[in-house]
Structures are given as C-alpha cells and as structure tokens.
N, C-alpha and C. Protein backbone atom coordinates (compact mmCIF):
# COMPACT_ATOMS: atom_id res chain seq x y z
N MET A 1 99.29 87.15 120.73
CA MET A 1 99.06 88.56 120.60
C MET A 1 97.84 89.24 120.51
N LEU A 2 97.28 89.99 121.54
CA LEU A 2 95.90 90.33 121.42
C LEU A 2 95.85 91.21 120.10
N ARG A 3 94.62 91.36 119.33
CA ARG A 3 94.44 91.94 118.10
C ARG A 3 93.56 93.23 118.47
N LYS A 4 93.99 94.23 118.02
CA LYS A 4 93.19 95.54 118.38
C LYS A 4 92.14 96.04 117.17
N VAL A 5 90.78 95.99 117.48
CA VAL A 5 90.08 96.40 116.37
C VAL A 5 88.89 97.39 116.69
N TYR A 6 88.69 98.50 116.12
CA TYR A 6 88.26 99.64 116.46
C TYR A 6 87.02 99.83 115.64
N VAL A 7 85.78 100.03 116.24
CA VAL A 7 84.42 99.90 115.52
C VAL A 7 84.10 101.41 115.62
N VAL A 8 83.73 102.16 114.33
CA VAL A 8 83.06 103.51 114.68
C VAL A 8 81.49 103.40 113.73
N ASP A 9 80.51 103.56 114.72
CA ASP A 9 79.40 103.63 114.00
C ASP A 9 78.51 104.45 115.06
N ASP A 10 77.59 105.12 114.37
CA ASP A 10 76.65 106.05 115.37
C ASP A 10 75.68 105.36 115.98
N ASP A 11 75.37 103.97 115.65
CA ASP A 11 74.47 103.35 116.33
C ASP A 11 75.00 102.32 117.38
N ARG A 12 75.14 102.47 118.75
CA ARG A 12 75.90 102.16 119.61
C ARG A 12 75.51 100.70 119.80
N MET A 13 74.07 100.20 119.93
CA MET A 13 73.67 98.91 119.91
C MET A 13 74.26 98.14 118.58
N HIS A 14 74.04 98.40 117.58
CA HIS A 14 74.94 97.70 116.32
C HIS A 14 76.39 97.58 116.74
N SER A 15 77.12 98.53 117.27
CA SER A 15 78.23 98.44 117.63
C SER A 15 78.72 97.50 118.39
N LYS A 16 77.87 97.21 119.48
CA LYS A 16 77.87 96.35 120.62
C LYS A 16 77.60 94.86 120.01
N LEU A 17 76.76 94.69 119.21
CA LEU A 17 76.26 93.54 118.59
C LEU A 17 77.54 92.89 117.88
N LEU A 18 78.37 93.73 116.99
CA LEU A 18 79.09 93.50 116.17
C LEU A 18 80.24 93.21 116.99
N ALA A 19 80.84 93.89 118.29
CA ALA A 19 81.86 93.43 118.73
C ALA A 19 81.78 92.49 119.63
N ALA A 20 80.63 91.98 120.14
CA ALA A 20 80.47 90.94 120.72
C ALA A 20 80.51 89.52 119.82
N ASN A 21 80.54 89.77 118.43
CA ASN A 21 80.42 88.69 117.28
C ASN A 21 81.92 88.27 116.72
N LEU A 22 82.87 89.50 117.13
CA LEU A 22 84.08 89.51 116.33
C LEU A 22 85.05 88.11 116.77
N GLY A 23 84.77 87.48 117.89
CA GLY A 23 85.94 86.76 118.02
C GLY A 23 85.69 85.97 119.49
N GLN A 24 86.66 85.43 119.80
CA GLN A 24 86.46 84.73 121.21
C GLN A 24 86.98 85.67 122.41
N PRO A 25 86.67 85.63 123.53
CA PRO A 25 87.36 86.47 124.57
C PRO A 25 88.54 86.11 124.63
N GLY A 26 89.44 87.13 124.80
CA GLY A 26 91.01 87.20 124.92
C GLY A 26 91.58 86.92 123.85
N GLN A 27 91.09 86.94 122.54
CA GLN A 27 91.64 86.91 121.37
C GLN A 27 91.63 88.36 120.65
N ILE A 28 90.61 89.29 120.71
CA ILE A 28 90.33 90.46 120.36
C ILE A 28 89.99 91.51 121.28
N ARG A 29 90.64 92.68 121.01
CA ARG A 29 90.06 93.95 121.97
C ARG A 29 89.33 94.75 120.97
N VAL A 30 88.02 95.24 121.39
CA VAL A 30 87.26 95.85 120.64
C VAL A 30 86.82 97.40 121.20
N GLU A 31 87.42 98.24 120.48
CA GLU A 31 87.00 99.49 121.04
C GLU A 31 85.96 100.44 120.19
N ILE A 32 84.99 100.69 120.85
CA ILE A 32 83.91 101.43 120.21
C ILE A 32 83.80 102.69 120.28
N PHE A 33 83.77 103.51 118.98
CA PHE A 33 83.42 105.07 118.93
C PHE A 33 82.00 105.26 118.07
N GLU A 34 81.63 106.49 118.64
CA GLU A 34 80.17 106.73 118.00
C GLU A 34 80.30 107.71 117.04
N GLN A 35 81.72 108.58 117.05
CA GLN A 35 82.11 109.48 116.14
C GLN A 35 83.34 109.47 115.50
N PRO A 36 83.74 109.83 114.42
CA PRO A 36 85.01 109.71 113.96
C PRO A 36 86.45 110.20 114.54
N GLU A 37 85.90 111.69 115.56
CA GLU A 37 87.18 112.19 115.73
C GLU A 37 87.80 111.64 117.01
N PRO A 38 87.24 110.80 117.88
CA PRO A 38 88.08 110.49 118.86
C PRO A 38 88.45 108.81 118.27
N LEU A 39 87.84 108.23 117.06
CA LEU A 39 88.96 107.27 116.51
C LEU A 39 90.07 107.86 116.10
N TYR A 40 90.19 108.84 115.50
CA TYR A 40 91.24 109.56 114.87
C TYR A 40 92.00 109.63 116.05
N ALA A 41 91.94 110.39 116.92
CA ALA A 41 93.08 110.66 117.90
C ALA A 41 93.42 109.29 118.58
N ARG A 42 92.71 108.07 118.90
CA ARG A 42 92.86 106.81 119.48
C ARG A 42 93.97 106.09 118.18
N CYS A 43 93.41 106.35 117.24
CA CYS A 43 94.39 105.45 116.15
C CYS A 43 96.02 106.17 116.10
N GLN A 44 96.03 107.50 116.49
CA GLN A 44 97.31 108.03 116.64
C GLN A 44 98.17 107.63 117.60
N GLU A 45 97.31 107.49 119.03
CA GLU A 45 97.78 106.97 120.08
C GLU A 45 98.36 105.26 120.16
N GLU A 46 97.33 104.31 119.33
CA GLU A 46 97.68 103.49 119.43
C GLU A 46 97.06 102.87 118.18
N PRO A 47 97.77 102.59 117.34
CA PRO A 47 97.52 102.03 115.70
C PRO A 47 96.13 100.52 116.15
N PRO A 48 95.38 100.29 115.61
CA PRO A 48 94.94 99.03 115.50
C PRO A 48 95.12 98.31 114.42
N ASP A 49 94.59 97.05 114.63
CA ASP A 49 94.81 95.92 113.44
C ASP A 49 93.87 96.17 112.55
N ALA A 50 92.73 96.47 112.72
CA ALA A 50 91.69 96.72 111.91
C ALA A 50 90.68 97.77 112.32
N VAL A 51 89.94 98.49 111.33
CA VAL A 51 88.95 99.45 111.59
C VAL A 51 87.81 98.93 110.89
N ILE A 52 86.88 98.68 111.64
CA ILE A 52 85.49 98.58 110.79
C ILE A 52 84.53 99.61 110.97
N THR A 53 83.90 100.31 110.01
CA THR A 53 83.02 101.65 109.97
C THR A 53 81.67 101.39 109.43
N ASP A 54 80.94 102.23 109.73
CA ASP A 54 79.64 102.63 109.14
C ASP A 54 79.59 102.91 108.12
N LEU A 55 79.05 102.85 106.91
CA LEU A 55 78.82 103.50 105.81
C LEU A 55 78.40 104.86 105.53
N LEU A 56 77.21 105.01 106.38
CA LEU A 56 76.32 106.01 106.56
C LEU A 56 76.28 106.63 107.81
N MET A 57 76.75 107.74 108.41
CA MET A 57 76.88 108.29 109.53
C MET A 57 76.52 109.78 109.44
N PRO A 58 75.61 110.32 110.45
CA PRO A 58 75.61 111.76 110.36
C PRO A 58 76.86 112.77 110.06
N GLY A 59 76.65 113.43 108.89
CA GLY A 59 77.96 114.40 108.67
C GLY A 59 79.38 113.66 108.26
N THR A 60 79.16 112.57 107.84
CA THR A 60 80.23 111.90 107.38
C THR A 60 79.81 110.50 106.67
N SER A 61 80.89 109.61 106.30
CA SER A 61 80.58 108.46 105.51
C SER A 61 81.88 107.68 106.02
N GLY A 62 81.57 106.32 105.81
CA GLY A 62 82.78 105.27 106.16
C GLY A 62 83.84 105.67 105.38
N VAL A 63 83.30 105.85 103.94
CA VAL A 63 84.68 106.13 102.97
C VAL A 63 85.45 107.28 103.23
N GLU A 64 84.74 108.28 103.91
CA GLU A 64 85.51 109.55 104.24
C GLU A 64 86.40 109.32 105.44
N VAL A 65 85.87 108.48 106.39
CA VAL A 65 86.69 107.99 107.60
C VAL A 65 87.78 107.17 106.91
N THR A 66 87.72 106.45 106.11
CA THR A 66 88.92 105.47 105.83
C THR A 66 89.84 106.61 105.11
N ARG A 67 89.58 107.30 104.28
CA ARG A 67 90.46 108.33 103.53
C ARG A 67 91.21 109.17 104.63
N THR A 68 90.40 109.64 105.48
CA THR A 68 90.97 110.76 106.52
C THR A 68 92.30 109.42 107.22
N LEU A 69 91.62 108.21 107.72
CA LEU A 69 92.61 107.72 108.37
C LEU A 69 93.86 107.33 107.42
N ARG A 70 93.64 107.11 106.21
CA ARG A 70 95.00 106.87 105.39
C ARG A 70 95.72 108.06 104.94
N GLN A 71 95.06 109.48 105.12
CA GLN A 71 95.78 110.59 104.99
C GLN A 71 96.91 110.87 106.23
N ARG A 72 96.02 110.57 107.49
CA ARG A 72 97.19 110.70 108.38
C ARG A 72 98.04 109.78 108.82
N ASP A 73 97.68 108.40 108.33
CA ASP A 73 98.80 107.28 108.34
C ASP A 73 98.95 106.71 106.83
N PRO A 74 99.65 107.08 106.00
CA PRO A 74 99.89 106.32 104.64
C PRO A 74 100.23 104.58 104.74
N ARG A 75 100.69 104.51 105.70
CA ARG A 75 101.11 103.02 106.10
C ARG A 75 99.93 102.22 106.59
N ALA A 76 99.08 102.85 107.03
CA ALA A 76 97.76 101.87 107.17
C ALA A 76 96.99 101.25 106.54
N PRO A 77 96.71 99.84 106.72
CA PRO A 77 96.25 98.95 105.85
C PRO A 77 94.91 99.26 105.21
N SER A 78 94.44 99.45 103.99
CA SER A 78 93.03 99.86 103.56
C SER A 78 92.70 98.79 102.56
N LYS A 79 91.39 97.90 103.06
CA LYS A 79 90.92 97.15 102.33
C LYS A 79 89.48 96.99 102.46
N PRO A 80 88.60 97.72 101.51
CA PRO A 80 87.39 98.07 101.89
C PRO A 80 86.54 96.59 101.75
N SER A 81 85.48 96.47 102.51
CA SER A 81 84.85 95.39 102.60
C SER A 81 83.14 95.67 101.84
N ARG A 82 82.87 94.97 101.10
CA ARG A 82 81.31 95.01 100.62
C ARG A 82 80.76 93.52 101.06
N PRO A 83 79.43 94.05 101.19
CA PRO A 83 78.42 92.98 101.90
C PRO A 83 78.61 91.99 100.04
N GLU A 84 78.39 90.88 100.42
CA GLU A 84 78.36 89.72 99.39
C GLU A 84 77.08 89.14 99.37
N PRO A 85 77.10 88.65 98.14
CA PRO A 85 75.77 87.60 98.19
C PRO A 85 75.95 86.68 98.83
N PRO A 86 74.52 85.99 99.27
CA PRO A 86 74.74 84.80 100.19
C PRO A 86 75.25 83.67 99.52
N SER A 87 75.96 82.85 100.26
CA SER A 87 76.75 81.53 99.45
C SER A 87 75.83 80.70 99.31
N THR A 88 76.08 79.92 98.17
CA THR A 88 75.40 78.73 97.94
C THR A 88 76.03 77.46 98.34
N SER A 89 77.33 77.74 99.01
CA SER A 89 78.29 76.50 99.44
C SER A 89 77.48 75.92 100.77
N PRO A 90 77.61 74.56 101.05
CA PRO A 90 77.15 73.99 102.30
C PRO A 90 77.76 74.52 103.34
N ASN A 91 79.28 75.03 103.30
CA ASN A 91 79.91 75.33 104.61
C ASN A 91 80.71 76.57 104.31
N PRO A 92 79.48 78.02 103.99
CA PRO A 92 79.95 79.25 103.82
C PRO A 92 81.01 79.72 105.04
N PRO A 93 81.95 80.74 104.83
CA PRO A 93 82.53 81.27 105.69
C PRO A 93 81.87 82.00 106.76
N THR A 94 82.52 81.95 107.85
CA THR A 94 81.77 82.54 109.15
C THR A 94 82.21 83.87 109.58
N SER A 95 83.56 84.20 109.21
CA SER A 95 84.05 85.36 109.41
C SER A 95 85.15 85.92 108.91
N THR A 96 85.78 87.05 109.01
CA THR A 96 86.78 87.58 108.22
C THR A 96 87.59 88.16 108.94
N SER A 97 88.78 88.08 108.94
CA SER A 97 89.87 88.90 109.95
C SER A 97 90.70 89.69 108.80
N CYS A 98 91.18 90.86 109.40
CA CYS A 98 92.16 91.77 108.66
C CYS A 98 93.57 91.85 109.67
N ARG A 99 94.48 91.85 109.16
CA ARG A 99 95.60 92.12 110.23
C ARG A 99 96.72 92.96 109.34
N ARG A 100 97.32 93.79 110.15
CA ARG A 100 98.12 94.46 109.82
C ARG A 100 99.52 94.08 109.52
N SER A 101 100.05 94.54 108.21
CA SER A 101 101.17 93.78 107.75
C SER A 101 102.88 94.23 108.39
C-alpha cells in the first residue's frame, strides 16, 4: 500500500528536499503545500498517513496547523516530533515513519 505524506512549509525548496528524502520511489506519495488552507481541504478529501509541518510560517505555526487538523478530525494521529541531539551511536537511525492506526 502506498503511504501518503503531506508536507506544509512556506519554503518550497525545503519541502522538495524533504520529499526527495522521505523514502524509495513507489513507497510513499508526498504532496507539498505552501499554505495550511489547501492542506486542510486535502486532508478532508483524502486523509494522509502523516503530516510534516514547518514550525514557523507567516501567519501561523506548525503547532497551530496540528491543532486545527485535530479539531477537524479528532481521530487523526498526533505525535509531535522535536529535533533530537546528535546520536553518539555508531549506527544512528536514519529515518522515522508515522502510520495511521
């Protein structure tokens, strides 16, 4: 099954770079949004498996985007992710995945 990941970020270049590094082609379908409003409409049409959002955007924040998504669909998974300090392990994890339960 093809996983759907939506990315909302006002920096288009950053979104494209992130999308290109999310997984192998054919495993994940990534849709990019520069503003939250089109993201909200798309989530109503076709709920994603995960949403990745920028924390600071003009007029809003990633926290507010997450709150709005939860208000519109209380069943939506919500797991905030924070940057973690660099690993001292010789084999640090290289990716994180989120799945809808």
